[in-house]
Amino acid sequence: MTQLADRVYTAPSDIGRLSLLIEGLPDEAQVDLVLIDGSRQVGVVTTRPSLQTFLDPAGNEGVNAVVRLDDPNIANRTRYLWLDEILEVRPIHTADRPFAR
C-alpha cells in the first residue's frame, strides 16, 4: 500500500540529491543534520533510509524517504524526519565511536 507524503519527487536531479543524502546516513551513524529551515537535529541513524514510493496530497506518485533518528537526550528518544527536509548531513566523529560508512 502506498503511503502519503507532503512532497514527492520524480525528477532525476531531485532523486540524485536524495540518494546522495542517503549515502551519508549509514546504519548507526552519529550525525548532525542541518535541515532546510535552518534548524539542526543530532542523533544516531537507526537504519539507513531507502527511497520509497509515496503519493502527495494531490495524488501524484513519486519518491521520498523517512529517516529514523534516535537521541538519548530526549524523552521520546526517536524522531522521524522526511529525507527531503535535510539540507546537509554532518558526521559526528568521536574517539569511542567513529563514523561508519
N, C-alpha and C. Protein backbone atom coordinates (compact mmCIF):
# COMPACT_ATOMS: atom_id res chain seq x y z
N MET A 1 0.84 -1.17 0.00
CA MET A 1 0.00 0.00 0.00
C MET A 1 0.89 1.25 0.00
N THR A 2 0.59 2.17 -0.88
CA THR A 2 1.34 3.41 -0.97
C THR A 2 0.92 4.35 0.15
N GLN A 3 1.91 5.00 0.75
CA GLN A 3 1.64 5.94 1.83
C GLN A 3 1.67 7.37 1.30
N LEU A 4 1.22 8.29 2.12
CA LEU A 4 1.19 9.70 1.74
C LEU A 4 2.41 10.45 2.26
N ALA A 5 2.86 11.41 1.48
CA ALA A 5 3.96 12.30 1.86
C ALA A 5 3.57 13.71 1.43
N ASP A 6 4.03 14.70 2.15
CA ASP A 6 3.74 16.09 1.78
C ASP A 6 4.35 16.43 0.43
N ARG A 7 5.54 15.89 0.16
CA ARG A 7 6.25 16.17 -1.08
C ARG A 7 6.81 14.86 -1.64
N VAL A 8 6.72 14.71 -2.95
CA VAL A 8 7.31 13.56 -3.64
C VAL A 8 8.12 14.07 -4.83
N TYR A 9 9.04 13.26 -5.29
CA TYR A 9 9.97 13.69 -6.34
C TYR A 9 10.06 12.65 -7.45
N THR A 10 10.13 13.16 -8.68
CA THR A 10 10.28 12.29 -9.84
C THR A 10 11.43 12.72 -10.74
N ALA A 11 11.88 13.96 -10.61
CA ALA A 11 12.97 14.47 -11.47
C ALA A 11 14.29 13.79 -11.10
N PRO A 12 15.05 13.37 -12.11
CA PRO A 12 16.34 12.71 -11.82
C PRO A 12 17.26 13.53 -10.92
N SER A 13 17.28 14.86 -11.07
CA SER A 13 18.17 15.67 -10.22
C SER A 13 17.73 15.61 -8.76
N ASP A 14 16.43 15.63 -8.51
CA ASP A 14 15.93 15.53 -7.13
C ASP A 14 16.20 14.16 -6.53
N ILE A 15 15.99 13.13 -7.33
CA ILE A 15 16.25 11.77 -6.85
C ILE A 15 17.74 11.59 -6.59
N GLY A 16 18.58 12.19 -7.42
CA GLY A 16 20.03 12.13 -7.19
C GLY A 16 20.42 12.80 -5.89
N ARG A 17 19.82 13.96 -5.59
CA ARG A 17 20.11 14.66 -4.33
C ARG A 17 19.70 13.81 -3.14
N LEU A 18 18.52 13.21 -3.21
CA LEU A 18 18.06 12.35 -2.11
C LEU A 18 18.98 11.14 -1.94
N SER A 19 19.40 10.57 -3.05
CA SER A 19 20.31 9.40 -3.00
C SER A 19 21.64 9.76 -2.35
N LEU A 20 22.16 10.95 -2.65
CA LEU A 20 23.42 11.39 -2.02
C LEU A 20 23.25 11.57 -0.51
N LEU A 21 22.11 12.09 -0.09
CA LEU A 21 21.86 12.22 1.35
C LEU A 21 21.83 10.84 2.01
N ILE A 22 21.21 9.87 1.36
CA ILE A 22 21.13 8.52 1.91
C ILE A 22 22.53 7.93 2.10
N GLU A 23 23.44 8.20 1.17
CA GLU A 23 24.81 7.70 1.30
C GLU A 23 25.47 8.17 2.59
N GLY A 24 25.11 9.34 3.08
CA GLY A 24 25.68 9.88 4.30
C GLY A 24 24.96 9.47 5.56
N LEU A 25 23.99 8.54 5.43
CA LEU A 25 23.18 8.12 6.58
C LEU A 25 23.24 6.61 6.78
N PRO A 26 24.43 6.04 6.98
CA PRO A 26 24.51 4.59 7.19
C PRO A 26 23.97 4.17 8.55
N ASP A 27 23.71 2.88 8.70
CA ASP A 27 23.25 2.33 9.97
C ASP A 27 24.15 2.76 11.11
N GLU A 28 23.54 3.20 12.20
CA GLU A 28 24.21 3.54 13.46
C GLU A 28 25.20 4.70 13.36
N ALA A 29 25.05 5.52 12.33
CA ALA A 29 25.92 6.69 12.20
C ALA A 29 25.47 7.78 13.16
N GLN A 30 26.43 8.42 13.79
CA GLN A 30 26.14 9.60 14.60
C GLN A 30 26.24 10.80 13.68
N VAL A 31 25.15 11.56 13.61
CA VAL A 31 25.10 12.66 12.65
C VAL A 31 24.52 13.93 13.26
N ASP A 32 24.89 15.03 12.65
CA ASP A 32 24.32 16.34 12.92
C ASP A 32 23.66 16.75 11.61
N LEU A 33 22.34 16.82 11.59
CA LEU A 33 21.61 17.12 10.36
C LEU A 33 21.22 18.59 10.34
N VAL A 34 21.55 19.26 9.26
CA VAL A 34 21.11 20.63 9.04
C VAL A 34 19.87 20.54 8.16
N LEU A 35 18.75 21.08 8.66
CA LEU A 35 17.50 21.00 7.92
C LEU A 35 17.30 22.23 7.06
N ILE A 36 16.42 22.14 6.09
CA ILE A 36 16.21 23.25 5.15
C ILE A 36 15.66 24.49 5.83
N ASP A 37 15.04 24.33 7.00
CA ASP A 37 14.53 25.50 7.72
C ASP A 37 15.59 26.15 8.60
N GLY A 38 16.83 25.61 8.57
CA GLY A 38 17.94 26.17 9.34
C GLY A 38 18.14 25.52 10.70
N SER A 39 17.19 24.70 11.14
CA SER A 39 17.34 24.02 12.42
C SER A 39 18.28 22.82 12.26
N ARG A 40 18.65 22.22 13.38
CA ARG A 40 19.55 21.08 13.37
C ARG A 40 18.98 19.98 14.25
N GLN A 41 19.26 18.73 13.87
CA GLN A 41 18.88 17.56 14.64
C GLN A 41 20.13 16.70 14.79
N VAL A 42 20.40 16.27 16.00
CA VAL A 42 21.57 15.44 16.26
C VAL A 42 21.09 14.11 16.80
N GLY A 43 21.71 13.02 16.35
CA GLY A 43 21.33 11.71 16.87
C GLY A 43 22.02 10.60 16.12
N VAL A 44 21.48 9.40 16.29
CA VAL A 44 22.03 8.19 15.67
C VAL A 44 21.01 7.66 14.67
N VAL A 45 21.46 7.43 13.45
CA VAL A 45 20.61 6.84 12.42
C VAL A 45 20.40 5.38 12.77
N THR A 46 19.16 4.97 12.99
CA THR A 46 18.93 3.57 13.39
C THR A 46 19.14 2.62 12.22
N THR A 47 18.63 2.97 11.06
CA THR A 47 18.78 2.17 9.85
C THR A 47 18.86 3.11 8.67
N ARG A 48 19.77 2.80 7.75
CA ARG A 48 19.90 3.66 6.55
C ARG A 48 18.54 3.73 5.86
N PRO A 49 18.07 4.95 5.58
CA PRO A 49 16.79 5.08 4.88
C PRO A 49 16.90 4.61 3.43
N SER A 50 15.78 4.33 2.82
CA SER A 50 15.76 3.97 1.41
C SER A 50 14.61 4.71 0.73
N LEU A 51 14.81 5.04 -0.52
CA LEU A 51 13.75 5.72 -1.26
C LEU A 51 12.56 4.79 -1.40
N GLN A 52 11.38 5.35 -1.19
CA GLN A 52 10.14 4.60 -1.31
C GLN A 52 9.14 5.41 -2.12
N THR A 53 8.15 4.74 -2.64
CA THR A 53 7.12 5.40 -3.42
C THR A 53 6.02 5.90 -2.49
N PHE A 54 5.64 7.15 -2.69
CA PHE A 54 4.58 7.79 -1.91
C PHE A 54 3.66 8.54 -2.87
N LEU A 55 2.50 8.92 -2.36
CA LEU A 55 1.60 9.84 -3.05
C LEU A 55 1.60 11.16 -2.31
N ASP A 56 1.59 12.27 -3.05
CA ASP A 56 1.47 13.57 -2.39
C ASP A 56 -0.02 13.89 -2.21
N PRO A 57 -0.37 15.00 -1.56
CA PRO A 57 -1.78 15.32 -1.32
C PRO A 57 -2.62 15.44 -2.59
N ALA A 58 -1.99 15.75 -3.72
CA ALA A 58 -2.71 15.87 -4.98
C ALA A 58 -2.84 14.54 -5.71
N GLY A 59 -2.26 13.46 -5.13
CA GLY A 59 -2.35 12.15 -5.75
C GLY A 59 -1.23 11.83 -6.71
N ASN A 60 -0.22 12.70 -6.79
CA ASN A 60 0.95 12.45 -7.65
C ASN A 60 1.86 11.43 -6.99
N GLU A 61 2.36 10.50 -7.78
CA GLU A 61 3.26 9.48 -7.26
C GLU A 61 4.70 9.89 -7.48
N GLY A 62 5.54 9.63 -6.47
CA GLY A 62 6.96 9.94 -6.56
C GLY A 62 7.67 9.30 -5.39
N VAL A 63 8.92 9.70 -5.17
CA VAL A 63 9.71 9.09 -4.09
C VAL A 63 10.08 10.10 -3.03
N ASN A 64 10.34 9.59 -1.86
CA ASN A 64 10.87 10.30 -0.71
C ASN A 64 11.32 9.21 0.25
N ALA A 65 11.77 9.57 1.42
CA ALA A 65 12.18 8.57 2.41
C ALA A 65 12.02 9.17 3.80
N VAL A 66 11.94 8.29 4.77
CA VAL A 66 11.83 8.68 6.17
C VAL A 66 13.12 8.27 6.88
N VAL A 67 13.67 9.19 7.65
CA VAL A 67 14.88 8.94 8.43
C VAL A 67 14.47 8.79 9.89
N ARG A 68 14.87 7.67 10.50
CA ARG A 68 14.63 7.48 11.93
C ARG A 68 15.92 7.85 12.65
N LEU A 69 15.81 8.82 13.55
CA LEU A 69 16.97 9.34 14.27
C LEU A 69 16.72 9.17 15.77
N ASP A 70 17.58 8.42 16.44
CA ASP A 70 17.47 8.23 17.89
C ASP A 70 18.38 9.21 18.61
N ASP A 71 17.84 9.80 19.69
CA ASP A 71 18.60 10.75 20.50
C ASP A 71 18.37 10.42 21.97
N PRO A 72 19.39 9.93 22.66
CA PRO A 72 19.23 9.57 24.08
C PRO A 72 18.98 10.77 24.98
N ASN A 73 19.13 11.97 24.46
CA ASN A 73 18.96 13.18 25.27
C ASN A 73 17.53 13.72 25.29
N ILE A 74 16.61 13.06 24.58
CA ILE A 74 15.22 13.49 24.62
C ILE A 74 14.35 12.37 25.17
N ALA A 75 13.22 12.73 25.74
CA ALA A 75 12.36 11.76 26.42
C ALA A 75 11.88 10.66 25.48
N ASN A 76 11.38 11.00 24.31
CA ASN A 76 10.85 10.03 23.37
C ASN A 76 11.96 9.22 22.71
N ARG A 77 13.14 9.77 22.61
CA ARG A 77 14.33 9.17 22.03
C ARG A 77 14.32 9.08 20.51
N THR A 78 13.17 8.98 19.88
CA THR A 78 13.12 8.76 18.44
C THR A 78 12.41 9.91 17.73
N ARG A 79 13.03 10.34 16.61
CA ARG A 79 12.42 11.34 15.74
C ARG A 79 12.36 10.76 14.34
N TYR A 80 11.34 11.12 13.61
CA TYR A 80 11.21 10.72 12.21
C TYR A 80 11.23 11.98 11.38
N LEU A 81 12.11 12.02 10.39
CA LEU A 81 12.26 13.18 9.52
C LEU A 81 12.10 12.75 8.07
N TRP A 82 11.50 13.61 7.27
CA TRP A 82 11.47 13.36 5.83
C TRP A 82 12.84 13.67 5.28
N LEU A 83 13.33 12.81 4.42
CA LEU A 83 14.67 12.97 3.85
C LEU A 83 14.80 14.30 3.11
N ASP A 84 13.77 14.72 2.41
CA ASP A 84 13.86 15.96 1.63
C ASP A 84 13.95 17.21 2.49
N GLU A 85 13.73 17.09 3.79
CA GLU A 85 13.86 18.22 4.71
C GLU A 85 15.31 18.44 5.14
N ILE A 86 16.19 17.50 4.78
CA ILE A 86 17.60 17.58 5.18
C ILE A 86 18.39 18.33 4.10
N LEU A 87 19.11 19.34 4.54
CA LEU A 87 19.96 20.12 3.64
C LEU A 87 21.37 19.54 3.61
N GLU A 88 21.86 19.13 4.78
CA GLU A 88 23.25 18.65 4.89
C GLU A 88 23.36 17.62 6.00
N VAL A 89 24.19 16.60 5.75
CA VAL A 89 24.50 15.59 6.75
C VAL A 89 25.94 15.81 7.19
N ARG A 90 26.12 16.04 8.49
CA ARG A 90 27.46 16.21 9.04
C ARG A 90 27.74 15.04 9.98
N PRO A 91 28.71 14.18 9.62
CA PRO A 91 29.03 13.07 10.51
C PRO A 91 29.68 13.59 11.79
N ILE A 92 29.38 12.91 12.89
CA ILE A 92 30.00 13.25 14.18
C ILE A 92 31.04 12.18 14.46
N HIS A 93 32.28 12.62 14.58
CA HIS A 93 33.37 11.69 14.88
C HIS A 93 33.66 11.77 16.38
N THR A 94 33.75 10.63 17.03
CA THR A 94 34.13 10.60 18.44
C THR A 94 35.25 9.58 18.61
N ALA A 95 35.99 9.70 19.68
CA ALA A 95 37.10 8.79 19.93
C ALA A 95 36.62 7.36 20.12
N ASP A 96 35.46 7.19 20.76
CA ASP A 96 34.98 5.83 21.03
C ASP A 96 34.01 5.29 19.99
N ARG A 97 33.59 6.11 19.04
CA ARG A 97 32.64 5.61 18.03
C ARG A 97 32.84 6.37 16.73
N PRO A 98 33.73 5.91 15.87
CA PRO A 98 33.95 6.60 14.61
C PRO A 98 32.74 6.47 13.67
N PHE A 99 32.59 7.45 12.83
CA PHE A 99 31.52 7.42 11.83
C PHE A 99 31.77 6.25 10.88
N ALA A 100 30.75 5.45 10.67
CA ALA A 100 30.89 4.26 9.81
C ALA A 100 30.30 4.53 8.44
N ARG A 101 30.96 4.04 7.44
CA ARG A 101 30.43 4.13 6.06
C ARG A 101 30.14 2.76 5.56
